[in-house]
Amino acid sequence: MMYLANASGREIVKRQYLFKLHAFIGAYIALMLAQWAALGISILSGSGMTGTSSGELSIHVTYFNGDLLIAFALLWAFTTGITLTTKQTRNGDFSFVTNRFTSHLSSIVFLLTASVIAGITTMLASNLLKVGISFFSDANSFLNQSFSISFFELVVGILATTLYIILTATIGYLIGILVQLSKSFIIIIPGLYVALTMNGTSLSLENIFKFFTNETSLFLFAIKVLVTISILFATSILISNRLEVRR
């Protein structure tokens, strides 16, 4: 095991981080394409629909919001987290004088940076729905009420969306590490997902989901997410050390 001085370690993490910013430029292109796809689907089809009728009168209501944009961003974050754990990416880190810990640190910083960018662009893209609907839909009558938000609400939305994206990317990162440890996790993880979905206890997927989504305080939500991702990243590093010993 190679030990590095603190200054040297920071410099190597910085170099690896900058390298990943350039090497994973495709991730940002994928994010942009996902956002445009979500925008198009949301504008043309809406995010939900309901209707009622009475005699010859028929009413159809279409809902427009940025939920699909957020869903696509979370899917992007999950796949990006997994991509950072592939063998090709891990081997690329060793083009630098490095160790496994600095490799993880650079990956974590990259994920945090990418998540912040995704959170900001996703919320800003949500505002483009107003423009898109004004051109392609006859829903102008309620646009001002439905899409009018204050600067404070925009900032809160960006922070909350970013935290969700970071959490999802971290989960993807841990799953990628587990799969690298043993291919059997390709079967185990979906099985665990199904078990948590059908489980009626406090550890059910529904309750875990509510633990984050039902939090009304942004500060407490941020604490929950930060503690969770710290645990997940620490677990990933420990598992990766075992992986390194095995190989």
C-alpha atoms as a PDB file:
ATOM      1  CA  MET A   1       0.000   0.000   0.000  1.00  0.00           C
ATOM      2  CA  MET A   2       1.334   3.424  -0.953  1.00  0.00           C
ATOM      3  CA  TYR A   3       1.060   6.232   1.591  1.00  0.00           C
ATOM      4  CA  LEU A   4       0.865   9.789   0.390  1.00  0.00           C
ATOM      5  CA  ALA A   5       1.473  13.074   2.144  1.00  0.00           C
ATOM      6  CA  ASN A   6      -1.639  15.135   2.620  1.00  0.00           C
ATOM      7  CA  ALA A   7      -0.596  17.756   0.051  1.00  0.00           C
ATOM      8  CA  SER A   8       0.312  15.096  -2.520  1.00  0.00           C
ATOM      9  CA  GLY A   9      -2.905  13.265  -1.869  1.00  0.00           C
ATOM     10  CA  ARG A  10      -4.993  16.370  -2.464  1.00  0.00           C
ATOM     11  CA  GLU A  11      -3.122  17.083  -5.671  1.00  0.00           C
ATOM     12  CA  ILE A  12      -3.684  13.567  -7.003  1.00  0.00           C
ATOM     13  CA  VAL A  13      -7.386  13.671  -6.104  1.00  0.00           C
ATOM     14  CA  LYS A  14      -7.596  16.992  -7.953  1.00  0.00           C
ATOM     15  CA  ARG A  15      -5.881  15.553 -11.044  1.00  0.00           C
ATOM     16  CA  GLN A  16      -8.110  12.495 -11.081  1.00  0.00           C
ATOM     17  CA  TYR A  17     -11.177  14.678 -10.582  1.00  0.00           C
ATOM     18  CA  LEU A  18     -10.243  16.942 -13.501  1.00  0.00           C
ATOM     19  CA  PHE A  19      -9.497  13.869 -15.599  1.00  0.00           C
ATOM     20  CA  LYS A  20     -12.975  12.453 -14.878  1.00  0.00           C
ATOM     21  CA  LEU A  21     -14.622  15.772 -15.690  1.00  0.00           C
ATOM     22  CA  HIS A  22     -13.164  15.468 -19.198  1.00  0.00           C
ATOM     23  CA  ALA A  23     -13.382  11.688 -19.558  1.00  0.00           C
ATOM     24  CA  PHE A  24     -17.062  11.570 -18.632  1.00  0.00           C
ATOM     25  CA  ILE A  25     -18.210  14.409 -20.862  1.00  0.00           C
ATOM     26  CA  GLY A  26     -20.609  11.862 -22.343  1.00  0.00           C
ATOM     27  CA  ALA A  27     -22.446  11.769 -19.017  1.00  0.00           C
ATOM     28  CA  TYR A  28     -23.378  15.439 -19.396  1.00  0.00           C
ATOM     29  CA  ILE A  29     -24.505  14.847 -22.970  1.00  0.00           C
ATOM     30  CA  ALA A  30     -26.649  11.955 -21.733  1.00  0.00           C
ATOM     31  CA  LEU A  31     -28.140  14.227 -19.068  1.00  0.00           C
ATOM     32  CA  MET A  32     -28.991  16.858 -21.665  1.00  0.00           C
ATOM     33  CA  LEU A  33     -30.627  14.298 -23.947  1.00  0.00           C
ATOM     34  CA  ALA A  34     -32.603  12.840 -21.039  1.00  0.00           C
ATOM     35  CA  GLN A  35     -33.842  16.301 -20.061  1.00  0.00           C
ATOM     36  CA  TRP A  36     -34.903  17.147 -23.596  1.00  0.00           C
ATOM     37  CA  ALA A  37     -36.693  13.803 -23.897  1.00  0.00           C
ATOM     38  CA  ALA A  38     -38.495  14.381 -20.593  1.00  0.00           C
ATOM     39  CA  LEU A  39     -39.417  17.908 -21.678  1.00  0.00           C
ATOM     40  CA  GLY A  40     -40.839  16.686 -24.965  1.00  0.00           C
ATOM     41  CA  ILE A  41     -42.900  13.947 -23.350  1.00  0.00           C
ATOM     42  CA  SER A  42     -44.167  16.302 -20.624  1.00  0.00           C
ATOM     43  CA  ILE A  43     -45.166  19.003 -23.104  1.00  0.00           C
ATOM     44  CA  LEU A  44     -46.893  16.701 -25.563  1.00  0.00           C
ATOM     45  CA  SER A  45     -48.472  14.225 -23.138  1.00  0.00           C
ATOM     46  CA  GLY A  46     -48.505  15.965 -19.773  1.00  0.00           C
ATOM     47  CA  SER A  47     -47.607  14.357 -16.461  1.00  0.00           C
ATOM     48  CA  GLY A  48     -51.065  13.024 -15.724  1.00  0.00           C
ATOM     49  CA  MET A  49     -54.620  13.103 -16.926  1.00  0.00           C
ATOM     50  CA  THR A  50     -58.108  12.794 -15.508  1.00  0.00           C
ATOM     51  CA  GLY A  51     -61.582  13.394 -16.817  1.00  0.00           C
ATOM     52  CA  THR A  52     -65.279  13.230 -16.171  1.00  0.00           C
ATOM     53  CA  SER A  53     -68.464  13.465 -18.177  1.00  0.00           C
ATOM     54  CA  SER A  54     -72.132  14.160 -17.617  1.00  0.00           C
ATOM     55  CA  GLY A  55     -74.512  13.736 -20.494  1.00  0.00           C
ATOM     56  CA  GLU A  56     -73.081  15.523 -23.472  1.00  0.00           C
ATOM     57  CA  LEU A  57     -70.596  17.426 -21.324  1.00  0.00           C
ATOM     58  CA  SER A  58     -67.112  15.949 -21.160  1.00  0.00           C
ATOM     59  CA  ILE A  59     -64.182  17.421 -19.214  1.00  0.00           C
ATOM     60  CA  HIS A  60     -60.586  16.312 -19.597  1.00  0.00           C
ATOM     61  CA  VAL A  61     -57.861  17.675 -17.320  1.00  0.00           C
ATOM     62  CA  THR A  62     -54.163  17.297 -18.133  1.00  0.00           C
ATOM     63  CA  TYR A  63     -51.539  17.961 -15.450  1.00  0.00           C
ATOM     64  CA  PHE A  64     -48.188  19.495 -16.282  1.00  0.00           C
ATOM     65  CA  ASN A  65     -45.226  19.442 -13.890  1.00  0.00           C
ATOM     66  CA  GLY A  66     -41.531  18.604 -13.767  1.00  0.00           C
ATOM     67  CA  ASP A  67     -41.889  15.135 -12.244  1.00  0.00           C
ATOM     68  CA  LEU A  68     -40.742  13.383 -15.409  1.00  0.00           C
ATOM     69  CA  LEU A  69     -37.677  15.616 -15.601  1.00  0.00           C
ATOM     70  CA  ILE A  70     -36.741  14.651 -12.058  1.00  0.00           C
ATOM     71  CA  ALA A  71     -37.387  10.961 -12.755  1.00  0.00           C
ATOM     72  CA  PHE A  72     -35.105  11.010 -15.807  1.00  0.00           C
ATOM     73  CA  ALA A  73     -32.435  12.885 -13.820  1.00  0.00           C
ATOM     74  CA  LEU A  74     -32.560  10.252 -11.069  1.00  0.00           C
ATOM     75  CA  LEU A  75     -32.235   7.451 -13.614  1.00  0.00           C
ATOM     76  CA  TRP A  76     -29.256   9.274 -15.142  1.00  0.00           C
ATOM     77  CA  ALA A  77     -27.649   9.690 -11.711  1.00  0.00           C
ATOM     78  CA  PHE A  78     -28.105   6.002 -10.913  1.00  0.00           C
ATOM     79  CA  THR A  79     -26.459   4.847 -14.151  1.00  0.00           C
ATOM     80  CA  THR A  80     -23.650   7.398 -13.804  1.00  0.00           C
ATOM     81  CA  GLY A  81     -22.884   6.125 -10.301  1.00  0.00           C
ATOM     82  CA  ILE A  82     -22.647   2.577 -11.617  1.00  0.00           C
ATOM     83  CA  THR A  83     -20.481   3.638 -14.565  1.00  0.00           C
ATOM     84  CA  LEU A  84     -17.839   5.069 -12.231  1.00  0.00           C
ATOM     85  CA  THR A  85     -17.278   1.623 -10.707  1.00  0.00           C
ATOM     86  CA  THR A  86     -16.597  -0.306 -13.902  1.00  0.00           C
ATOM     87  CA  LYS A  87     -13.267  -2.061 -14.333  1.00  0.00           C
ATOM     88  CA  GLN A  88     -12.279   0.242 -17.195  1.00  0.00           C
ATOM     89  CA  THR A  89     -12.805   3.334 -15.049  1.00  0.00           C
ATOM     90  CA  ARG A  90     -10.957   1.867 -12.069  1.00  0.00           C
ATOM     91  CA  ASN A  91      -8.000   0.875 -14.230  1.00  0.00           C
ATOM     92  CA  GLY A  92      -7.949   4.354 -15.756  1.00  0.00           C
ATOM     93  CA  ASP A  93      -7.347   5.837 -12.305  1.00  0.00           C
ATOM     94  CA  PHE A  94      -4.053   4.016 -12.089  1.00  0.00           C
ATOM     95  CA  SER A  95      -2.615   6.030 -14.941  1.00  0.00           C
ATOM     96  CA  PHE A  96      -1.880   8.359 -12.013  1.00  0.00           C
ATOM     97  CA  VAL A  97       0.285   7.635  -8.993  1.00  0.00           C
ATOM     98  CA  THR A  98      -2.595   6.767  -6.740  1.00  0.00           C
ATOM     99  CA  ASN A  99      -4.272   4.360  -4.372  1.00  0.00           C
ATOM    100  CA  ARG A 100      -7.820   3.103  -4.036  1.00  0.00           C
ATOM    101  CA  PHE A 101      -8.773   5.752  -1.476  1.00  0.00           C
ATOM    102  CA  THR A 102      -7.810   8.717  -3.667  1.00  0.00           C
ATOM    103  CA  SER A 103      -9.635   7.058  -6.549  1.00  0.00           C
ATOM    104  CA  HIS A 104     -12.812   6.927  -4.465  1.00  0.00           C
ATOM    105  CA  LEU A 105     -12.406  10.518  -3.329  1.00  0.00           C
ATOM    106  CA  SER A 106     -12.106  11.782  -6.900  1.00  0.00           C
ATOM    107  CA  SER A 107     -15.155   9.738  -7.921  1.00  0.00           C
ATOM    108  CA  ILE A 108     -17.162  11.100  -4.990  1.00  0.00           C
ATOM    109  CA  VAL A 109     -16.247  14.698  -5.815  1.00  0.00           C
ATOM    110  CA  PHE A 110     -17.129  14.077  -9.460  1.00  0.00           C
ATOM    111  CA  LEU A 111     -20.523  12.633  -8.497  1.00  0.00           C
ATOM    112  CA  LEU A 112     -21.216  15.593  -6.233  1.00  0.00           C
ATOM    113  CA  THR A 113     -20.305  18.027  -9.017  1.00  0.00           C
ATOM    114  CA  ALA A 114     -22.387  16.202 -11.609  1.00  0.00           C
ATOM    115  CA  SER A 115     -25.335  16.010  -9.194  1.00  0.00           C
ATOM    116  CA  VAL A 116     -25.241  19.748  -8.515  1.00  0.00           C
ATOM    117  CA  ILE A 117     -25.206  20.457 -12.255  1.00  0.00           C
ATOM    118  CA  ALA A 118     -28.059  18.008 -12.795  1.00  0.00           C
ATOM    119  CA  GLY A 119     -30.085  19.530  -9.944  1.00  0.00           C
ATOM    120  CA  ILE A 120     -29.719  23.068 -11.276  1.00  0.00           C
ATOM    121  CA  THR A 121     -30.417  22.221 -14.915  1.00  0.00           C
ATOM    122  CA  THR A 122     -33.368  19.984 -14.041  1.00  0.00           C
ATOM    123  CA  MET A 123     -35.126  22.721 -12.085  1.00  0.00           C
ATOM    124  CA  LEU A 124     -34.366  25.317 -14.764  1.00  0.00           C
ATOM    125  CA  ALA A 125     -35.610  22.928 -17.440  1.00  0.00           C
ATOM    126  CA  SER A 126     -38.855  22.581 -15.490  1.00  0.00           C
ATOM    127  CA  ASN A 127     -39.470  26.269 -16.162  1.00  0.00           C
ATOM    128  CA  LEU A 128     -39.138  25.610 -19.898  1.00  0.00           C
ATOM    129  CA  LEU A 129     -42.387  23.653 -19.646  1.00  0.00           C
ATOM    130  CA  LYS A 130     -44.223  26.973 -19.454  1.00  0.00           C
ATOM    131  CA  VAL A 131     -42.680  28.066 -22.740  1.00  0.00           C
ATOM    132  CA  GLY A 132     -43.263  24.706 -24.385  1.00  0.00           C
ATOM    133  CA  ILE A 133     -46.881  24.478 -23.301  1.00  0.00           C
ATOM    134  CA  SER A 134     -47.568  28.008 -24.514  1.00  0.00           C
ATOM    135  CA  PHE A 135     -46.520  26.900 -28.013  1.00  0.00           C
ATOM    136  CA  PHE A 136     -47.845  23.343 -28.182  1.00  0.00           C
ATOM    137  CA  SER A 137     -50.842  23.323 -25.842  1.00  0.00           C
ATOM    138  CA  ASP A 138     -54.058  25.249 -25.241  1.00  0.00           C
ATOM    139  CA  ALA A 139     -53.432  25.284 -21.490  1.00  0.00           C
ATOM    140  CA  ASN A 140     -52.481  28.955 -21.345  1.00  0.00           C
ATOM    141  CA  SER A 141     -55.397  29.838 -19.077  1.00  0.00           C
ATOM    142  CA  PHE A 142     -53.661  28.500 -15.966  1.00  0.00           C
ATOM    143  CA  LEU A 143     -49.991  28.886 -16.841  1.00  0.00           C
ATOM    144  CA  ASN A 144     -49.382  31.928 -14.667  1.00  0.00           C
ATOM    145  CA  GLN A 145     -50.811  30.258 -11.578  1.00  0.00           C
ATOM    146  CA  SER A 146     -49.312  26.818 -12.157  1.00  0.00           C
ATOM    147  CA  PHE A 147     -45.773  27.844 -13.007  1.00  0.00           C
ATOM    148  CA  SER A 148     -45.261  31.073 -11.104  1.00  0.00           C
ATOM    149  CA  ILE A 149     -42.661  30.474  -8.367  1.00  0.00           C
ATOM    150  CA  SER A 150     -40.541  32.813  -6.317  1.00  0.00           C
ATOM    151  CA  PHE A 151     -36.746  32.889  -6.343  1.00  0.00           C
ATOM    152  CA  PHE A 152     -36.736  31.323  -2.870  1.00  0.00           C
ATOM    153  CA  GLU A 153     -38.918  28.445  -4.069  1.00  0.00           C
ATOM    154  CA  LEU A 154     -36.597  27.942  -7.032  1.00  0.00           C
ATOM    155  CA  VAL A 155     -33.546  27.744  -4.747  1.00  0.00           C
ATOM    156  CA  VAL A 156     -35.295  25.294  -2.405  1.00  0.00           C
ATOM    157  CA  GLY A 157     -36.321  23.198  -5.408  1.00  0.00           C
ATOM    158  CA  ILE A 158     -32.752  23.124  -6.716  1.00  0.00           C
ATOM    159  CA  LEU A 159     -31.371  22.088  -3.306  1.00  0.00           C
ATOM    160  CA  ALA A 160     -33.976  19.358  -2.782  1.00  0.00           C
ATOM    161  CA  THR A 161     -33.580  17.998  -6.325  1.00  0.00           C
ATOM    162  CA  THR A 162     -29.791  18.007  -6.007  1.00  0.00           C
ATOM    163  CA  LEU A 163     -29.959  16.063  -2.743  1.00  0.00           C
ATOM    164  CA  TYR A 164     -32.220  13.433  -4.319  1.00  0.00           C
ATOM    165  CA  ILE A 165     -29.864  13.117  -7.282  1.00  0.00           C
ATOM    166  CA  ILE A 166     -26.804  12.780  -5.023  1.00  0.00           C
ATOM    167  CA  LEU A 167     -28.549  10.080  -2.989  1.00  0.00           C
ATOM    168  CA  THR A 168     -29.531   8.147  -6.125  1.00  0.00           C
ATOM    169  CA  ALA A 169     -26.028   8.427  -7.600  1.00  0.00           C
ATOM    170  CA  THR A 170     -24.533   7.138  -4.347  1.00  0.00           C
ATOM    171  CA  ILE A 171     -26.856   4.131  -4.358  1.00  0.00           C
ATOM    172  CA  GLY A 172     -25.802   3.393  -7.929  1.00  0.00           C
ATOM    173  CA  TYR A 173     -22.151   3.709  -6.910  1.00  0.00           C
ATOM    174  CA  LEU A 174     -22.563   1.208  -4.069  1.00  0.00           C
ATOM    175  CA  ILE A 175     -24.454  -1.238  -6.283  1.00  0.00           C
ATOM    176  CA  GLY A 176     -21.699  -0.980  -8.903  1.00  0.00           C
ATOM    177  CA  ILE A 177     -19.065  -1.785  -6.274  1.00  0.00           C
ATOM    178  CA  LEU A 178     -21.087  -4.785  -5.069  1.00  0.00           C
ATOM    179  CA  VAL A 179     -21.417  -6.130  -8.612  1.00  0.00           C
ATOM    180  CA  GLN A 180     -17.657  -5.760  -9.096  1.00  0.00           C
ATOM    181  CA  LEU A 181     -17.151  -7.760  -5.914  1.00  0.00           C
ATOM    182  CA  SER A 182     -19.392 -10.592  -7.094  1.00  0.00           C
ATOM    183  CA  LYS A 183     -21.551 -11.001 -10.189  1.00  0.00           C
ATOM    184  CA  SER A 184     -24.093 -12.817  -8.032  1.00  0.00           C
ATOM    185  CA  PHE A 185     -25.254  -9.387  -6.827  1.00  0.00           C
ATOM    186  CA  ILE A 186     -26.806  -8.921 -10.270  1.00  0.00           C
ATOM    187  CA  ILE A 187     -29.406 -11.433  -9.063  1.00  0.00           C
ATOM    188  CA  ILE A 188     -29.318 -10.628  -5.346  1.00  0.00           C
ATOM    189  CA  ILE A 189     -30.016  -6.900  -5.679  1.00  0.00           C
ATOM    190  CA  PRO A 190     -33.206  -7.225  -7.786  1.00  0.00           C
ATOM    191  CA  GLY A 191     -34.348  -9.976  -5.401  1.00  0.00           C
ATOM    192  CA  LEU A 192     -33.736  -7.686  -2.444  1.00  0.00           C
ATOM    193  CA  TYR A 193     -35.671  -4.924  -4.191  1.00  0.00           C
ATOM    194  CA  VAL A 194     -38.658  -7.225  -4.671  1.00  0.00           C
ATOM    195  CA  ALA A 195     -38.433  -8.395  -1.049  1.00  0.00           C
ATOM    196  CA  LEU A 196     -38.406  -4.819   0.257  1.00  0.00           C
ATOM    197  CA  THR A 197     -41.321  -3.939  -1.998  1.00  0.00           C
ATOM    198  CA  MET A 198     -43.455  -6.798  -0.652  1.00  0.00           C
ATOM    199  CA  ASN A 199     -42.237  -6.481   2.923  1.00  0.00           C
ATOM    200  CA  GLY A 200     -44.814  -5.033   5.309  1.00  0.00           C
ATOM    201  CA  THR A 201     -42.389  -4.148   8.108  1.00  0.00           C
ATOM    202  CA  SER A 202     -40.679  -0.846   8.891  1.00  0.00           C
ATOM    203  CA  LEU A 203     -37.861  -1.866   6.521  1.00  0.00           C
ATOM    204  CA  SER A 204     -40.186  -1.950   3.529  1.00  0.00           C
ATOM    205  CA  LEU A 205     -39.235   0.047   0.461  1.00  0.00           C
ATOM    206  CA  GLU A 206     -42.333   2.180   0.940  1.00  0.00           C
ATOM    207  CA  ASN A 207     -41.308   3.224   4.457  1.00  0.00           C
ATOM    208  CA  ILE A 208     -37.727   3.873   3.372  1.00  0.00           C
ATOM    209  CA  PHE A 209     -39.076   6.045   0.574  1.00  0.00           C
ATOM    210  CA  LYS A 210     -41.367   7.909   2.974  1.00  0.00           C
ATOM    211  CA  PHE A 211     -38.452   8.481   5.352  1.00  0.00           C
ATOM    212  CA  PHE A 212     -36.997  10.884   2.792  1.00  0.00           C
ATOM    213  CA  THR A 213     -39.987  12.163   0.814  1.00  0.00           C
ATOM    214  CA  ASN A 214     -42.251  12.946   3.786  1.00  0.00           C
ATOM    215  CA  GLU A 215     -39.722  15.260   5.406  1.00  0.00           C
ATOM    216  CA  THR A 216     -41.066  18.827   5.351  1.00  0.00           C
ATOM    217  CA  SER A 217     -37.931  20.529   6.694  1.00  0.00           C
ATOM    218  CA  LEU A 218     -35.217  21.076   4.084  1.00  0.00           C
ATOM    219  CA  PHE A 219     -32.577  21.188   6.825  1.00  0.00           C
ATOM    220  CA  LEU A 220     -33.615  17.821   8.315  1.00  0.00           C
ATOM    221  CA  PHE A 221     -33.947  16.341   4.837  1.00  0.00           C
ATOM    222  CA  ALA A 222     -30.411  17.488   4.031  1.00  0.00           C
ATOM    223  CA  ILE A 223     -29.125  15.911   7.267  1.00  0.00           C
ATOM    224  CA  LYS A 224     -30.845  12.611   6.402  1.00  0.00           C
ATOM    225  CA  VAL A 225     -29.363  12.577   2.916  1.00  0.00           C
ATOM    226  CA  LEU A 226     -25.849  13.611   4.000  1.00  0.00           C
ATOM    227  CA  VAL A 227     -25.722  10.966   6.739  1.00  0.00           C
ATOM    228  CA  THR A 228     -27.046   8.312   4.350  1.00  0.00           C
ATOM    229  CA  ILE A 229     -24.609   9.067   1.542  1.00  0.00           C
ATOM    230  CA  SER A 230     -21.721   9.172   4.040  1.00  0.00           C
ATOM    231  CA  ILE A 231     -22.632   5.655   5.163  1.00  0.00           C
ATOM    232  CA  LEU A 232     -23.054   4.452   1.589  1.00  0.00           C
ATOM    233  CA  PHE A 233     -19.737   5.917   0.430  1.00  0.00           C
ATOM    234  CA  ALA A 234     -17.916   4.513   3.480  1.00  0.00           C
ATOM    235  CA  THR A 235     -19.424   1.088   2.764  1.00  0.00           C
ATOM    236  CA  SER A 236     -18.347   1.349  -0.877  1.00  0.00           C
ATOM    237  CA  ILE A 237     -14.771   2.126   0.135  1.00  0.00           C
ATOM    238  CA  LEU A 238     -14.626  -0.783   2.593  1.00  0.00           C
ATOM    239  CA  ILE A 239     -16.019  -3.202   0.019  1.00  0.00           C
ATOM    240  CA  SER A 240     -13.617  -1.892  -2.611  1.00  0.00           C
ATOM    241  CA  ASN A 241     -10.660  -2.527  -0.295  1.00  0.00           C
ATOM    242  CA  ARG A 242     -11.779  -6.132  -0.034  1.00  0.00           C
ATOM    243  CA  LEU A 243     -12.107  -6.265  -3.800  1.00  0.00           C
ATOM    244  CA  GLU A 244      -8.571  -4.969  -4.196  1.00  0.00           C
ATOM    245  CA  VAL A 245      -7.207  -7.658  -1.836  1.00  0.00           C
ATOM    246  CA  ARG A 246      -9.044 -10.394  -3.739  1.00  0.00           C
ATOM    247  CA  ARG A 247      -7.513  -9.327  -7.017  1.00  0.00           C
END
